[in-house]
Amino acid sequence: MAHSSVWIFLLCFSLTHQRAAAQAEACRTVVQADIVFLLDESWSVGQTSFFRVKDFISAVMSSFQDSAVGAEGVRFGVTLFGDVPRMLVALTDYSSLEEVLRTVGNLPYGGGSRRTGSALQFLVDSVFSPAISRDFTPKIAVLITTGRSDDQVDLGAKAVADSGITLFAVERSMEAL
């Protein structure tokens, strides 16, 4: 992975007993982007923390309220992973921000192990598949996890890099919860 061209930014943050909130600053410069949140739903996350993460990604999505959302603008997706990755919001599912936010609010917590490598491969094969991806549109994934994977990530990370997906990794500290 050291030789791959993918930029992985590790952003460490702690969720406290306060709600995670993004600035109310709206994003006004994006024309088109495909943005997928890849959420760890393993047992180490816990239901309370999982709900806080849903609030966080809803706040991030809401910052695009002044942008076109849907086929001609920004598209959002959400995939959960534990034992098996599950695409619960495909990039093509919704044409309005309100619809996406309502669905994110209802995402179920499943538990399981933390198979990040499998989730990264699923990101390439299913979430950003040629049938779903748009040509010449930035492909962005935000991986939110609690830590080290229970499976190997090298092949999945290489597949992400080779596909031109920009991956941001966010590791949550559970100690502050």
Foldseek 3Di string as FASTA:
>chain_A
DVPFPADEAEAEDEDAPDADADDLAADDPFFAAEEEEEEELAPVCDDVNLLSVLVNVLRVLVSPQVYFEADGTYFYWYWYDAPAIDTQGASHRDRHSVVVNVSSNVDDRDHHHFAVQNSLQCCLPPRCNPVRHDPPHAAEYEYEEQDDHPDDNVVSVNSCRVSRYHYYYYHYHPPND
